Amino acid sequence: MRGRVKLRIVVRGIVQGVGFRSFIRRHATALGLTGYVRNLPDGESVEIVVSGPEDSVNELIRLAKKGPPAAVVDNVEVEPYEGAEDFVDFSIRYD
């Protein structure tokens, strides 16, 4: 296992209204990750902010590129997360 990372991931495509956020929360929790997932206001993308061991975060990115069966993922952007927020669990945000 490598060090801890904190990333912001934006997934675009048919990812709203298909169970994508629940899919990500379930897998992130199983992987021991913290952070959140939320729909973005454009109606066609989801933001994931995740913190944890690099190997586990990379597994979540791999899963996000596939998504649940009803999702169609067109693009995944990954960048460092610069926020100072420390997360205690992985949640779905509705803001």
C-alpha atoms as a PDB file:
ATOM      1  CA  MET A   1       0.000   0.000   0.000  1.00  0.00           C
ATOM      2  CA  ARG A   2       1.230   3.462  -0.886  1.00  0.00           C
ATOM      3  CA  GLY A   3       0.491   6.809   0.768  1.00  0.00           C
ATOM      4  CA  ARG A   4      -2.815   8.581   1.246  1.00  0.00           C
ATOM      5  CA  VAL A   5      -4.271  10.781  -1.458  1.00  0.00           C
ATOM      6  CA  LYS A   6      -7.170  13.224  -1.682  1.00  0.00           C
ATOM      7  CA  LEU A   7      -8.713  13.649  -5.141  1.00  0.00           C
ATOM      8  CA  ARG A   8     -11.612  15.344  -6.909  1.00  0.00           C
ATOM      9  CA  ILE A   9     -13.136  13.213  -9.662  1.00  0.00           C
ATOM     10  CA  VAL A  10     -15.760  14.448 -12.123  1.00  0.00           C
ATOM     11  CA  VAL A  11     -17.631  11.758 -14.038  1.00  0.00           C
ATOM     12  CA  ARG A  12     -19.618  12.832 -17.119  1.00  0.00           C
ATOM     13  CA  GLY A  13     -22.237  10.968 -19.125  1.00  0.00           C
ATOM     14  CA  ILE A  14     -25.502   9.322 -18.136  1.00  0.00           C
ATOM     15  CA  VAL A  15     -24.647   9.264 -14.446  1.00  0.00           C
ATOM     16  CA  GLN A  16     -27.598  11.011 -12.798  1.00  0.00           C
ATOM     17  CA  GLY A  17     -30.789   9.118 -12.039  1.00  0.00           C
ATOM     18  CA  VAL A  18     -29.178   5.702 -12.566  1.00  0.00           C
ATOM     19  CA  GLY A  19     -27.964   4.854  -9.045  1.00  0.00           C
ATOM     20  CA  PHE A  20     -24.440   6.144  -9.652  1.00  0.00           C
ATOM     21  CA  ARG A  21     -24.083   7.948  -6.304  1.00  0.00           C
ATOM     22  CA  SER A  22     -25.251   4.918  -4.312  1.00  0.00           C
ATOM     23  CA  PHE A  23     -22.912   2.704  -6.363  1.00  0.00           C
ATOM     24  CA  ILE A  24     -19.955   4.951  -5.536  1.00  0.00           C
ATOM     25  CA  ARG A  25     -20.867   5.284  -1.835  1.00  0.00           C
ATOM     26  CA  ARG A  26     -21.228   1.504  -1.454  1.00  0.00           C
ATOM     27  CA  HIS A  27     -17.844   0.797  -3.051  1.00  0.00           C
ATOM     28  CA  ALA A  28     -16.045   3.688  -1.324  1.00  0.00           C
ATOM     29  CA  THR A  29     -17.308   2.500   2.056  1.00  0.00           C
ATOM     30  CA  ALA A  30     -16.254  -1.082   1.308  1.00  0.00           C
ATOM     31  CA  LEU A  31     -12.794   0.197   0.345  1.00  0.00           C
ATOM     32  CA  GLY A  32     -12.487   2.161   3.607  1.00  0.00           C
ATOM     33  CA  LEU A  33     -12.462   5.557   1.869  1.00  0.00           C
ATOM     34  CA  THR A  34     -13.837   8.867   3.093  1.00  0.00           C
ATOM     35  CA  GLY A  35     -15.321  11.817   1.224  1.00  0.00           C
ATOM     36  CA  TYR A  36     -18.537  12.401  -0.680  1.00  0.00           C
ATOM     37  CA  VAL A  37     -20.334  12.082  -3.993  1.00  0.00           C
ATOM     38  CA  ARG A  38     -22.911  14.524  -5.386  1.00  0.00           C
ATOM     39  CA  ASN A  39     -24.735  15.405  -8.582  1.00  0.00           C
ATOM     40  CA  LEU A  40     -23.544  18.571 -10.272  1.00  0.00           C
ATOM     41  CA  PRO A  41     -26.129  21.117 -11.439  1.00  0.00           C
ATOM     42  CA  ASP A  42     -25.419  20.563 -15.162  1.00  0.00           C
ATOM     43  CA  GLY A  43     -27.577  17.410 -15.061  1.00  0.00           C
ATOM     44  CA  GLU A  44     -24.942  15.209 -16.663  1.00  0.00           C
ATOM     45  CA  SER A  45     -22.064  14.902 -14.231  1.00  0.00           C
ATOM     46  CA  VAL A  46     -21.230  13.679 -10.747  1.00  0.00           C
ATOM     47  CA  GLU A  47     -18.479  14.944  -8.463  1.00  0.00           C
ATOM     48  CA  ILE A  48     -16.592  12.565  -6.186  1.00  0.00           C
ATOM     49  CA  VAL A  49     -14.224  13.878  -3.523  1.00  0.00           C
ATOM     50  CA  VAL A  50     -12.321  10.990  -2.015  1.00  0.00           C
ATOM     51  CA  SER A  51      -9.564  10.501   0.533  1.00  0.00           C
ATOM     52  CA  GLY A  52      -7.698   7.353   1.436  1.00  0.00           C
ATOM     53  CA  PRO A  53      -4.909   4.951   0.527  1.00  0.00           C
ATOM     54  CA  GLU A  54      -3.764   5.423  -3.067  1.00  0.00           C
ATOM     55  CA  ASP A  55      -4.444   1.805  -4.077  1.00  0.00           C
ATOM     56  CA  SER A  56      -8.024   1.958  -2.785  1.00  0.00           C
ATOM     57  CA  VAL A  57      -8.664   5.340  -4.422  1.00  0.00           C
ATOM     58  CA  ASN A  58      -7.355   3.945  -7.719  1.00  0.00           C
ATOM     59  CA  GLU A  59      -9.802   1.042  -7.397  1.00  0.00           C
ATOM     60  CA  LEU A  60     -12.667   3.491  -6.876  1.00  0.00           C
ATOM     61  CA  ILE A  61     -11.585   5.405  -9.997  1.00  0.00           C
ATOM     62  CA  ARG A  62     -11.624   2.139 -11.950  1.00  0.00           C
ATOM     63  CA  LEU A  63     -15.146   1.423 -10.693  1.00  0.00           C
ATOM     64  CA  ALA A  64     -16.296   4.990 -11.485  1.00  0.00           C
ATOM     65  CA  LYS A  65     -15.145   4.565 -15.088  1.00  0.00           C
ATOM     66  CA  LYS A  66     -17.582   1.651 -15.383  1.00  0.00           C
ATOM     67  CA  GLY A  67     -20.426   2.720 -13.078  1.00  0.00           C
ATOM     68  CA  PRO A  68     -23.570   0.735 -12.334  1.00  0.00           C
ATOM     69  CA  PRO A  69     -25.342  -1.152 -15.174  1.00  0.00           C
ATOM     70  CA  ALA A  70     -27.656   1.737 -16.216  1.00  0.00           C
ATOM     71  CA  ALA A  71     -24.841   4.324 -16.377  1.00  0.00           C
ATOM     72  CA  VAL A  72     -22.976   5.401 -19.486  1.00  0.00           C
ATOM     73  CA  VAL A  73     -19.669   7.012 -18.547  1.00  0.00           C
ATOM     74  CA  ASP A  74     -18.283   9.293 -21.250  1.00  0.00           C
ATOM     75  CA  ASN A  75     -15.426  10.974 -19.407  1.00  0.00           C
ATOM     76  CA  VAL A  76     -13.629  10.883 -16.045  1.00  0.00           C
ATOM     77  CA  GLU A  77     -11.456  13.794 -14.907  1.00  0.00           C
ATOM     78  CA  VAL A  78      -9.166  13.381 -11.883  1.00  0.00           C
ATOM     79  CA  GLU A  79      -7.361  16.180 -10.097  1.00  0.00           C
ATOM     80  CA  PRO A  80      -5.879  16.783  -6.646  1.00  0.00           C
ATOM     81  CA  TYR A  81      -8.403  18.034  -4.090  1.00  0.00           C
ATOM     82  CA  GLU A  82      -7.143  21.236  -2.517  1.00  0.00           C
ATOM     83  CA  GLY A  83      -9.838  21.581   0.160  1.00  0.00           C
ATOM     84  CA  ALA A  84      -8.772  21.469   3.790  1.00  0.00           C
ATOM     85  CA  GLU A  85     -11.825  19.442   4.793  1.00  0.00           C
ATOM     86  CA  ASP A  86     -11.153  16.195   6.648  1.00  0.00           C
ATOM     87  CA  PHE A  87     -13.786  13.516   6.144  1.00  0.00           C
ATOM     88  CA  VAL A  88     -14.863  10.911   8.707  1.00  0.00           C
ATOM     89  CA  ASP A  89     -16.993   8.772   6.384  1.00  0.00           C
ATOM     90  CA  PHE A  90     -18.222   8.606   2.783  1.00  0.00           C
ATOM     91  CA  SER A  91     -21.557  10.263   2.119  1.00  0.00           C
ATOM     92  CA  ILE A  92     -23.961  11.347  -0.582  1.00  0.00           C
ATOM     93  CA  ARG A  93     -24.403  15.111  -0.607  1.00  0.00           C
ATOM     94  CA  TYR A  94     -27.538  16.757  -1.896  1.00  0.00           C
ATOM     95  CA  ASP A  95     -26.257  20.325  -2.202  1.00  0.00           C
END
